[in-house]
Amino acid sequence: MDGLGVTVVEFLINAVRAYIYAGLLFSAVFVIFFIQRVDSDAAGWNIGFRLVILPGLCVFWPMFVTRLIRGKQRPTERNAHRIAAARHQPVEGGSV
């Protein structure tokens, strides 16, 4: 492998390493202090649950940063059934 190839591979490895380290740092702080702001059901869970979700938080930390900044709670599922149900809501006082 030539010098440029080695440089590119080293850069990619360092970028992935920085992403994982940032994820670990965010995840540790998020699990301890902020998880109940994003998911109110997680407020009473013990340390075992928080350790189990830590790897996923390390990978998907940008999504959780966005949700934390926007102050969003659990996302509403958007599928074909919910979209169709929203279109066909009954008129007040009428029948379906």
PDB file of N, CA and C in Angstrom:
ATOM      1  N   MET A   1       0.857  -1.175   0.000  1.00  0.00           N
ATOM      2  CA  MET A   1       0.000   0.000   0.000  1.00  0.00           C
ATOM      3  C   MET A   1       0.898   1.233   0.000  1.00  0.00           C
ATOM      4  N   ASP A   2       0.547   2.201  -0.793  1.00  0.00           N
ATOM      5  CA  ASP A   2       1.365   3.404  -0.892  1.00  0.00           C
ATOM      6  C   ASP A   2       1.096   4.351   0.277  1.00  0.00           C
ATOM      7  N   GLY A   3       1.840   5.422   0.334  1.00  0.00           N
ATOM      8  CA  GLY A   3       1.738   6.370   1.442  1.00  0.00           C
ATOM      9  C   GLY A   3       0.379   7.025   1.553  1.00  0.00           C
ATOM     10  N   LEU A   4      -0.243   7.321   0.418  1.00  0.00           N
ATOM     11  CA  LEU A   4      -1.561   7.946   0.433  1.00  0.00           C
ATOM     12  C   LEU A   4      -2.609   6.987   0.984  1.00  0.00           C
ATOM     13  N   GLY A   5      -2.545   5.730   0.583  1.00  0.00           N
ATOM     14  CA  GLY A   5      -3.496   4.736   1.077  1.00  0.00           C
ATOM     15  C   GLY A   5      -3.391   4.556   2.582  1.00  0.00           C
ATOM     16  N   VAL A   6      -2.174   4.513   3.089  1.00  0.00           N
ATOM     17  CA  VAL A   6      -1.968   4.378   4.531  1.00  0.00           C
ATOM     18  C   VAL A   6      -2.520   5.597   5.256  1.00  0.00           C
ATOM     19  N   THR A   7      -2.302   6.772   4.697  1.00  0.00           N
ATOM     20  CA  THR A   7      -2.793   8.007   5.299  1.00  0.00           C
ATOM     21  C   THR A   7      -4.322   8.025   5.351  1.00  0.00           C
ATOM     22  N   VAL A   8      -4.965   7.588   4.279  1.00  0.00           N
ATOM     23  CA  VAL A   8      -6.424   7.560   4.232  1.00  0.00           C
ATOM     24  C   VAL A   8      -6.969   6.573   5.259  1.00  0.00           C
ATOM     25  N   VAL A   9      -6.376   5.393   5.338  1.00  0.00           N
ATOM     26  CA  VAL A   9      -6.830   4.379   6.290  1.00  0.00           C
ATOM     27  C   VAL A   9      -6.628   4.869   7.722  1.00  0.00           C
ATOM     28  N   GLU A  10      -5.484   5.486   8.006  1.00  0.00           N
ATOM     29  CA  GLU A  10      -5.242   6.026   9.348  1.00  0.00           C
ATOM     30  C   GLU A  10      -6.258   7.112   9.690  1.00  0.00           C
ATOM     31  N   PHE A  11      -6.579   7.958   8.723  1.00  0.00           N
ATOM     32  CA  PHE A  11      -7.575   8.999   8.953  1.00  0.00           C
ATOM     33  C   PHE A  11      -8.936   8.394   9.275  1.00  0.00           C
ATOM     34  N   LEU A  12      -9.346   7.387   8.507  1.00  0.00           N
ATOM     35  CA  LEU A  12     -10.631   6.737   8.750  1.00  0.00           C
ATOM     36  C   LEU A  12     -10.677   6.063  10.115  1.00  0.00           C
ATOM     37  N   ILE A  13      -9.608   5.398  10.478  1.00  0.00           N
ATOM     38  CA  ILE A  13      -9.552   4.749  11.792  1.00  0.00           C
ATOM     39  C   ILE A  13      -9.641   5.793  12.898  1.00  0.00           C
ATOM     40  N   ASN A  14      -8.939   6.890  12.764  1.00  0.00           N
ATOM     41  CA  ASN A  14      -8.988   7.950  13.770  1.00  0.00           C
ATOM     42  C   ASN A  14     -10.364   8.613  13.824  1.00  0.00           C
ATOM     43  N   ALA A  15     -11.030   8.753  12.675  1.00  0.00           N
ATOM     44  CA  ALA A  15     -12.377   9.333  12.657  1.00  0.00           C
ATOM     45  C   ALA A  15     -13.363   8.425  13.376  1.00  0.00           C
ATOM     46  N   VAL A  16     -13.293   7.121  13.132  1.00  0.00           N
ATOM     47  CA  VAL A  16     -14.176   6.175  13.814  1.00  0.00           C
ATOM     48  C   VAL A  16     -13.873   6.155  15.310  1.00  0.00           C
ATOM     49  N   ARG A  17     -12.604   6.197  15.650  1.00  0.00           N
ATOM     50  CA  ARG A  17     -12.211   6.221  17.061  1.00  0.00           C
ATOM     51  C   ARG A  17     -12.754   7.470  17.759  1.00  0.00           C
ATOM     52  N   ALA A  18     -12.670   8.622  17.113  1.00  0.00           N
ATOM     53  CA  ALA A  18     -13.187   9.864  17.697  1.00  0.00           C
ATOM     54  C   ALA A  18     -14.701   9.791  17.856  1.00  0.00           C
ATOM     55  N   TYR A  19     -15.396   9.206  16.876  1.00  0.00           N
ATOM     56  CA  TYR A  19     -16.849   9.053  16.939  1.00  0.00           C
ATOM     57  C   TYR A  19     -17.236   8.183  18.143  1.00  0.00           C
ATOM     58  N   ILE A  20     -16.535   7.069  18.325  1.00  0.00           N
ATOM     59  CA  ILE A  20     -16.839   6.166  19.448  1.00  0.00           C
ATOM     60  C   ILE A  20     -16.514   6.833  20.781  1.00  0.00           C
ATOM     61  N   TYR A  21     -15.386   7.528  20.874  1.00  0.00           N
ATOM     62  CA  TYR A  21     -15.049   8.219  22.130  1.00  0.00           C
ATOM     63  C   TYR A  21     -16.079   9.303  22.456  1.00  0.00           C
ATOM     64  N   ALA A  22     -16.505  10.045  21.443  1.00  0.00           N
ATOM     65  CA  ALA A  22     -17.544  11.058  21.669  1.00  0.00           C
ATOM     66  C   ALA A  22     -18.833  10.383  22.111  1.00  0.00           C
ATOM     67  N   GLY A  23     -19.144   9.234  21.514  1.00  0.00           N
ATOM     68  CA  GLY A  23     -20.328   8.479  21.905  1.00  0.00           C
ATOM     69  C   GLY A  23     -20.244   7.971  23.331  1.00  0.00           C
ATOM     70  N   LEU A  24     -19.082   7.499  23.744  1.00  0.00           N
ATOM     71  CA  LEU A  24     -18.905   7.038  25.123  1.00  0.00           C
ATOM     72  C   LEU A  24     -19.074   8.181  26.114  1.00  0.00           C
ATOM     73  N   LEU A  25     -18.478   9.309  25.808  1.00  0.00           N
ATOM     74  CA  LEU A  25     -18.590  10.468  26.689  1.00  0.00           C
ATOM     75  C   LEU A  25     -20.037  10.934  26.787  1.00  0.00           C
ATOM     76  N   PHE A  26     -20.708  11.088  25.645  1.00  0.00           N
ATOM     77  CA  PHE A  26     -22.110  11.508  25.660  1.00  0.00           C
ATOM     78  C   PHE A  26     -22.974  10.484  26.379  1.00  0.00           C
ATOM     79  N   SER A  27     -22.763   9.206  26.086  1.00  0.00           N
ATOM     80  CA  SER A  27     -23.597   8.154  26.669  1.00  0.00           C
ATOM     81  C   SER A  27     -23.510   8.119  28.182  1.00  0.00           C
ATOM     82  N   ALA A  28     -22.307   8.264  28.709  1.00  0.00           N
ATOM     83  CA  ALA A  28     -22.148   8.248  30.163  1.00  0.00           C
ATOM     84  C   ALA A  28     -22.921   9.397  30.809  1.00  0.00           C
ATOM     85  N   VAL A  29     -22.798  10.578  30.251  1.00  0.00           N
ATOM     86  CA  VAL A  29     -23.505  11.738  30.795  1.00  0.00           C
ATOM     87  C   VAL A  29     -25.008  11.596  30.580  1.00  0.00           C
ATOM     88  N   PHE A  30     -25.414  11.143  29.413  1.00  0.00           N
ATOM     89  CA  PHE A  30     -26.830  11.006  29.073  1.00  0.00           C
ATOM     90  C   PHE A  30     -27.519   9.988  29.976  1.00  0.00           C
ATOM     91  N   VAL A  31     -26.891   8.841  30.182  1.00  0.00           N
ATOM     92  CA  VAL A  31     -27.501   7.782  30.994  1.00  0.00           C
ATOM     93  C   VAL A  31     -27.650   8.221  32.443  1.00  0.00           C
ATOM     94  N   ILE A  32     -26.724   8.994  32.933  1.00  0.00           N
ATOM     95  CA  ILE A  32     -26.775   9.418  34.336  1.00  0.00           C
ATOM     96  C   ILE A  32     -27.751  10.573  34.544  1.00  0.00           C
ATOM     97  N   PHE A  33     -27.736  11.570  33.665  1.00  0.00           N
ATOM     98  CA  PHE A  33     -28.471  12.801  33.933  1.00  0.00           C
ATOM     99  C   PHE A  33     -29.690  13.071  33.050  1.00  0.00           C
ATOM    100  N   PHE A  34     -29.675  12.668  31.790  1.00  0.00           N
ATOM    101  CA  PHE A  34     -30.666  13.176  30.852  1.00  0.00           C
ATOM    102  C   PHE A  34     -31.626  12.156  30.273  1.00  0.00           C
ATOM    103  N   ILE A  35     -31.499  10.891  30.580  1.00  0.00           N
ATOM    104  CA  ILE A  35     -32.337   9.886  29.924  1.00  0.00           C
ATOM    105  C   ILE A  35     -33.818  10.107  30.217  1.00  0.00           C
ATOM    106  N   GLN A  36     -34.153  10.564  31.414  1.00  0.00           N
ATOM    107  CA  GLN A  36     -35.562  10.767  31.744  1.00  0.00           C
ATOM    108  C   GLN A  36     -36.172  11.942  30.993  1.00  0.00           C
ATOM    109  N   ARG A  37     -35.361  12.851  30.449  1.00  0.00           N
ATOM    110  CA  ARG A  37     -35.909  13.942  29.636  1.00  0.00           C
ATOM    111  C   ARG A  37     -36.367  13.453  28.278  1.00  0.00           C
ATOM    112  N   VAL A  38     -35.715  12.424  27.755  1.00  0.00           N
ATOM    113  CA  VAL A  38     -36.066  11.888  26.444  1.00  0.00           C
ATOM    114  C   VAL A  38     -37.083  10.760  26.562  1.00  0.00           C
ATOM    115  N   ASP A  39     -36.968   9.947  27.609  1.00  0.00           N
ATOM    116  CA  ASP A  39     -37.891   8.831  27.811  1.00  0.00           C
ATOM    117  C   ASP A  39     -38.287   8.785  29.277  1.00  0.00           C
ATOM    118  N   SER A  40     -39.475   9.256  29.571  1.00  0.00           N
ATOM    119  CA  SER A  40     -39.907   9.336  30.973  1.00  0.00           C
ATOM    120  C   SER A  40     -40.059   7.964  31.618  1.00  0.00           C
ATOM    121  N   ASP A  41     -40.273   6.922  30.835  1.00  0.00           N
ATOM    122  CA  ASP A  41     -40.393   5.570  31.393  1.00  0.00           C
ATOM    123  C   ASP A  41     -39.065   5.035  31.921  1.00  0.00           C
ATOM    124  N   ALA A  42     -37.953   5.603  31.517  1.00  0.00           N
ATOM    125  CA  ALA A  42     -36.643   5.116  31.941  1.00  0.00           C
ATOM    126  C   ALA A  42     -36.196   5.732  33.265  1.00  0.00           C
ATOM    127  N   ALA A  43     -36.987   6.577  33.859  1.00  0.00           N
ATOM    128  CA  ALA A  43     -36.577   7.300  35.068  1.00  0.00           C
ATOM    129  C   ALA A  43     -36.306   6.370  36.253  1.00  0.00           C
ATOM    130  N   GLY A  44     -37.101   5.338  36.446  1.00  0.00           N
ATOM    131  CA  GLY A  44     -36.948   4.499  37.615  1.00  0.00           C
ATOM    132  C   GLY A  44     -36.074   3.270  37.432  1.00  0.00           C
ATOM    133  N   TRP A  45     -35.496   3.092  36.271  1.00  0.00           N
ATOM    134  CA  TRP A  45     -34.727   1.882  35.998  1.00  0.00           C
ATOM    135  C   TRP A  45     -33.379   1.910  36.690  1.00  0.00           C
ATOM    136  N   ASN A  46     -32.868   0.722  36.973  1.00  0.00           N
ATOM    137  CA  ASN A  46     -31.605   0.595  37.714  1.00  0.00           C
ATOM    138  C   ASN A  46     -30.389   0.652  36.781  1.00  0.00           C
ATOM    139  N   ILE A  47     -29.241   0.415  37.363  1.00  0.00           N
ATOM    140  CA  ILE A  47     -27.973   0.512  36.637  1.00  0.00           C
ATOM    141  C   ILE A  47     -27.835  -0.563  35.568  1.00  0.00           C
ATOM    142  N   GLY A  48     -28.462  -1.727  35.774  1.00  0.00           N
ATOM    143  CA  GLY A  48     -28.385  -2.798  34.774  1.00  0.00           C
ATOM    144  C   GLY A  48     -28.978  -2.383  33.447  1.00  0.00           C
ATOM    145  N   PHE A  49     -30.150  -1.771  33.488  1.00  0.00           N
ATOM    146  CA  PHE A  49     -30.793  -1.283  32.267  1.00  0.00           C
ATOM    147  C   PHE A  49     -29.920  -0.231  31.592  1.00  0.00           C
ATOM    148  N   ARG A  50     -29.374   0.647  32.360  1.00  0.00           N
ATOM    149  CA  ARG A  50     -28.556   1.730  31.794  1.00  0.00           C
ATOM    150  C   ARG A  50     -27.281   1.190  31.153  1.00  0.00           C
ATOM    151  N   LEU A  51     -26.720   0.125  31.716  1.00  0.00           N
ATOM    152  CA  LEU A  51     -25.536  -0.496  31.102  1.00  0.00           C
ATOM    153  C   LEU A  51     -25.891  -1.227  29.811  1.00  0.00           C
ATOM    154  N   VAL A  52     -27.086  -1.791  29.756  1.00  0.00           N
ATOM    155  CA  VAL A  52     -27.506  -2.509  28.554  1.00  0.00           C
ATOM    156  C   VAL A  52     -27.698  -1.542  27.381  1.00  0.00           C
ATOM    157  N   ILE A  53     -28.229  -0.364  27.621  1.00  0.00           N
ATOM    158  CA  ILE A  53     -28.478   0.569  26.513  1.00  0.00           C
ATOM    159  C   ILE A  53     -27.234   1.377  26.131  1.00  0.00           C
ATOM    160  N   LEU A  54     -26.184   1.303  26.915  1.00  0.00           N
ATOM    161  CA  LEU A  54     -24.970   2.084  26.659  1.00  0.00           C
ATOM    162  C   LEU A  54     -24.356   1.825  25.274  1.00  0.00           C
ATOM    163  N   PRO A  55     -24.199   0.569  24.816  1.00  0.00           N
ATOM    164  CA  PRO A  55     -23.615   0.374  23.473  1.00  0.00           C
ATOM    165  C   PRO A  55     -24.448   0.998  22.356  1.00  0.00           C
ATOM    166  N   GLY A  56     -25.763   0.887  22.456  1.00  0.00           N
ATOM    167  CA  GLY A  56     -26.615   1.506  21.437  1.00  0.00           C
ATOM    168  C   GLY A  56     -26.510   3.018  21.447  1.00  0.00           C
ATOM    169  N   LEU A  57     -26.409   3.585  22.636  1.00  0.00           N
ATOM    170  CA  LEU A  57     -26.235   5.032  22.735  1.00  0.00           C
ATOM    171  C   LEU A  57     -24.907   5.469  22.133  1.00  0.00           C
ATOM    172  N   CYS A  58     -23.871   4.664  22.308  1.00  0.00           N
ATOM    173  CA  CYS A  58     -22.559   5.013  21.735  1.00  0.00           C
ATOM    174  C   CYS A  58     -22.612   5.086  20.219  1.00  0.00           C
ATOM    175  N   VAL A  59     -23.427   4.240  19.607  1.00  0.00           N
ATOM    176  CA  VAL A  59     -23.519   4.225  18.154  1.00  0.00           C
ATOM    177  C   VAL A  59     -24.470   5.303  17.642  1.00  0.00           C
ATOM    178  N   PHE A  60     -25.620   5.446  18.289  1.00  0.00           N
ATOM    179  CA  PHE A  60     -26.651   6.366  17.800  1.00  0.00           C
ATOM    180  C   PHE A  60     -26.674   7.689  18.566  1.00  0.00           C
ATOM    181  N   TRP A  61     -25.562   8.098  19.146  1.00  0.00           N
ATOM    182  CA  TRP A  61     -25.547   9.290  19.981  1.00  0.00           C
ATOM    183  C   TRP A  61     -25.952  10.566  19.241  1.00  0.00           C
ATOM    184  N   PRO A  62     -25.658  10.748  17.944  1.00  0.00           N
ATOM    185  CA  PRO A  62     -26.114  11.995  17.295  1.00  0.00           C
ATOM    186  C   PRO A  62     -27.642  12.139  17.292  1.00  0.00           C
ATOM    187  N   MET A  63     -28.356  11.020  17.139  1.00  0.00           N
ATOM    188  CA  MET A  63     -29.810  11.071  17.160  1.00  0.00           C
ATOM    189  C   MET A  63     -30.312  11.493  18.546  1.00  0.00           C
ATOM    190  N   PHE A  64     -29.682  10.982  19.596  1.00  0.00           N
ATOM    191  CA  PHE A  64     -30.111  11.324  20.946  1.00  0.00           C
ATOM    192  C   PHE A  64     -29.710  12.750  21.327  1.00  0.00           C
ATOM    193  N   VAL A  65     -28.609  13.234  20.805  1.00  0.00           N
ATOM    194  CA  VAL A  65     -28.245  14.643  21.021  1.00  0.00           C
ATOM    195  C   VAL A  65     -29.311  15.540  20.405  1.00  0.00           C
ATOM    196  N   THR A  66     -29.732  15.202  19.192  1.00  0.00           N
ATOM    197  CA  THR A  66     -30.763  15.990  18.508  1.00  0.00           C
ATOM    198  C   THR A  66     -32.069  15.967  19.289  1.00  0.00           C
ATOM    199  N   ARG A  67     -32.482  14.793  19.743  1.00  0.00           N
ATOM    200  CA  ARG A  67     -33.722  14.696  20.507  1.00  0.00           C
ATOM    201  C   ARG A  67     -33.617  15.437  21.830  1.00  0.00           C
ATOM    202  N   LEU A  68     -32.450  15.408  22.453  1.00  0.00           N
ATOM    203  CA  LEU A  68     -32.249  16.106  23.715  1.00  0.00           C
ATOM    204  C   LEU A  68     -32.299  17.618  23.513  1.00  0.00           C
ATOM    205  N   ILE A  69     -31.667  18.104  22.462  1.00  0.00           N
ATOM    206  CA  ILE A  69     -31.662  19.544  22.188  1.00  0.00           C
ATOM    207  C   ILE A  69     -33.061  20.036  21.833  1.00  0.00           C
ATOM    208  N   ARG A  70     -33.772  19.272  21.032  1.00  0.00           N
ATOM    209  CA  ARG A  70     -35.123  19.668  20.632  1.00  0.00           C
ATOM    210  C   ARG A  70     -36.148  19.461  21.734  1.00  0.00           C
ATOM    211  N   GLY A  71     -35.779  18.722  22.757  1.00  0.00           N
ATOM    212  CA  GLY A  71     -36.682  18.489  23.872  1.00  0.00           C
ATOM    213  C   GLY A  71     -37.799  17.516  23.550  1.00  0.00           C
ATOM    214  N   LYS A  72     -37.569  16.640  22.590  1.00  0.00           N
ATOM    215  CA  LYS A  72     -38.611  15.703  22.180  1.00  0.00           C
ATOM    216  C   LYS A  72     -38.684  14.523  23.125  1.00  0.00           C
ATOM    217  N   GLN A  73     -39.895  14.076  23.334  1.00  0.00           N
ATOM    218  CA  GLN A  73     -40.129  12.839  24.073  1.00  0.00           C
ATOM    219  C   GLN A  73     -40.086  11.692  23.060  1.00  0.00           C
ATOM    220  N   ARG A  74     -40.745  10.604  23.387  1.00  0.00           N
ATOM    221  CA  ARG A  74     -40.771   9.450  22.483  1.00  0.00           C
ATOM    222  C   ARG A  74     -41.338   9.843  21.130  1.00  0.00           C
ATOM    223  N   PRO A  75     -40.742   9.346  20.047  1.00  0.00           N
ATOM    224  CA  PRO A  75     -41.277   9.672  18.729  1.00  0.00           C
ATOM    225  C   PRO A  75     -42.591   8.947  18.487  1.00  0.00           C
ATOM    226  N   THR A  76     -43.489   9.586  17.738  1.00  0.00           N
ATOM    227  CA  THR A  76     -44.748   8.952  17.355  1.00  0.00           C
ATOM    228  C   THR A  76     -44.483   8.066  16.156  1.00  0.00           C
ATOM    229  N   GLU A  77     -44.916   6.829  16.268  1.00  0.00           N
ATOM    230  CA  GLU A  77     -44.721   5.899  15.165  1.00  0.00           C
ATOM    231  C   GLU A  77     -45.531   6.369  13.962  1.00  0.00           C
ATOM    232  N   ARG A  78     -44.918   6.369  12.810  1.00  0.00           N
ATOM    233  CA  ARG A  78     -45.595   6.796  11.585  1.00  0.00           C
ATOM    234  C   ARG A  78     -45.596   5.624  10.613  1.00  0.00           C
ATOM    235  N   ASN A  79     -46.739   4.957  10.523  1.00  0.00           N
ATOM    236  CA  ASN A  79     -46.866   3.834   9.597  1.00  0.00           C
ATOM    237  C   ASN A  79     -48.165   3.974   8.815  1.00  0.00           C
ATOM    238  N   ALA A  80     -48.411   3.049   7.900  1.00  0.00           N
ATOM    239  CA  ALA A  80     -49.583   3.143   7.017  1.00  0.00           C
ATOM    240  C   ALA A  80     -50.889   3.128   7.811  1.00  0.00           C
ATOM    241  N   HIS A  81     -50.958   2.333   8.848  1.00  0.00           N
ATOM    242  CA  HIS A  81     -52.185   2.261   9.642  1.00  0.00           C
ATOM    243  C   HIS A  81     -52.502   3.603  10.311  1.00  0.00           C
ATOM    244  N   ARG A  82     -51.510   4.221  10.948  1.00  0.00           N
ATOM    245  CA  ARG A  82     -51.749   5.507  11.621  1.00  0.00           C
ATOM    246  C   ARG A  82     -52.075   6.616  10.626  1.00  0.00           C
ATOM    247  N   ILE A  83     -51.443   6.595   9.461  1.00  0.00           N
ATOM    248  CA  ILE A  83     -51.720   7.616   8.449  1.00  0.00           C
ATOM    249  C   ILE A  83     -53.157   7.476   7.947  1.00  0.00           C
ATOM    250  N   ALA A  84     -53.585   6.232   7.675  1.00  0.00           N
ATOM    251  CA  ALA A  84     -54.953   6.000   7.207  1.00  0.00           C
ATOM    252  C   ALA A  84     -55.964   6.353   8.288  1.00  0.00           C
ATOM    253  N   ALA A  85     -55.669   6.035   9.532  1.00  0.00           N
ATOM    254  CA  ALA A  85     -56.585   6.350  10.629  1.00  0.00           C
ATOM    255  C   ALA A  85     -56.723   7.859  10.806  1.00  0.00           C
ATOM    256  N   ALA A  86     -55.653   8.599  10.592  1.00  0.00           N
ATOM    257  CA  ALA A  86     -55.715  10.053  10.726  1.00  0.00           C
ATOM    258  C   ALA A  86     -56.567  10.663   9.623  1.00  0.00           C
ATOM    259  N   ARG A  87     -56.575  10.060   8.438  1.00  0.00           N
ATOM    260  CA  ARG A  87     -57.374  10.569   7.328  1.00  0.00           C
ATOM    261  C   ARG A  87     -58.862  10.311   7.520  1.00  0.00           C
ATOM    262  N   HIS A  88     -59.204   9.237   8.228  1.00  0.00           N
ATOM    263  CA  HIS A  88     -60.595   8.827   8.354  1.00  0.00           C
ATOM    264  C   HIS A  88     -61.128   8.996   9.764  1.00  0.00           C
ATOM    265  N   GLN A  89     -60.799  10.098  10.397  1.00  0.00           N
ATOM    266  CA  GLN A  89     -61.318  10.345  11.745  1.00  0.00           C
ATOM    267  C   GLN A  89     -62.804  10.694  11.657  1.00  0.00           C
ATOM    268  N   PRO A  90     -63.610  10.147  12.556  1.00  0.00           N
ATOM    269  CA  PRO A  90     -65.049  10.421  12.494  1.00  0.00           C
ATOM    270  C   PRO A  90     -65.372  11.885  12.792  1.00  0.00           C
ATOM    271  N   VAL A  91     -66.429  12.351  12.174  1.00  0.00           N
ATOM    272  CA  VAL A  91     -66.904  13.706  12.400  1.00  0.00           C
ATOM    273  C   VAL A  91     -67.580  13.738  13.760  1.00  0.00           C
ATOM    274  N   GLU A  92     -67.411  14.822  14.479  1.00  0.00           N
ATOM    275  CA  GLU A  92     -67.976  14.934  15.820  1.00  0.00           C
ATOM    276  C   GLU A  92     -69.503  14.805  15.780  1.00  0.00           C
ATOM    277  N   GLY A  93     -70.033  13.861  16.559  1.00  0.00           N
ATOM    278  CA  GLY A  93     -71.476  13.654  16.626  1.00  0.00           C
ATOM    279  C   GLY A  93     -72.010  12.772  15.527  1.00  0.00           C
ATOM    280  N   GLY A  94     -71.180  12.361  14.584  1.00  0.00           N
ATOM    281  CA  GLY A  94     -71.635  11.520  13.485  1.00  0.00           C
ATOM    282  C   GLY A  94     -71.168  10.088  13.646  1.00  0.00           C
ATOM    283  N   SER A  95     -71.483   9.280  12.650  1.00  0.00           N
ATOM    284  CA  SER A  95     -71.035   7.898  12.696  1.00  0.00           C
ATOM    285  C   SER A  95     -69.968   7.683  11.638  1.00  0.00           C
ATOM    286  N   VAL A  96     -69.284   6.566  11.777  1.00  0.00           N
ATOM    287  CA  VAL A  96     -68.164   6.268  10.878  1.00  0.00           C
ATOM    288  C   VAL A  96     -68.644   5.789   9.545  1.00  0.00           C
TER     289      VAL A  96
END
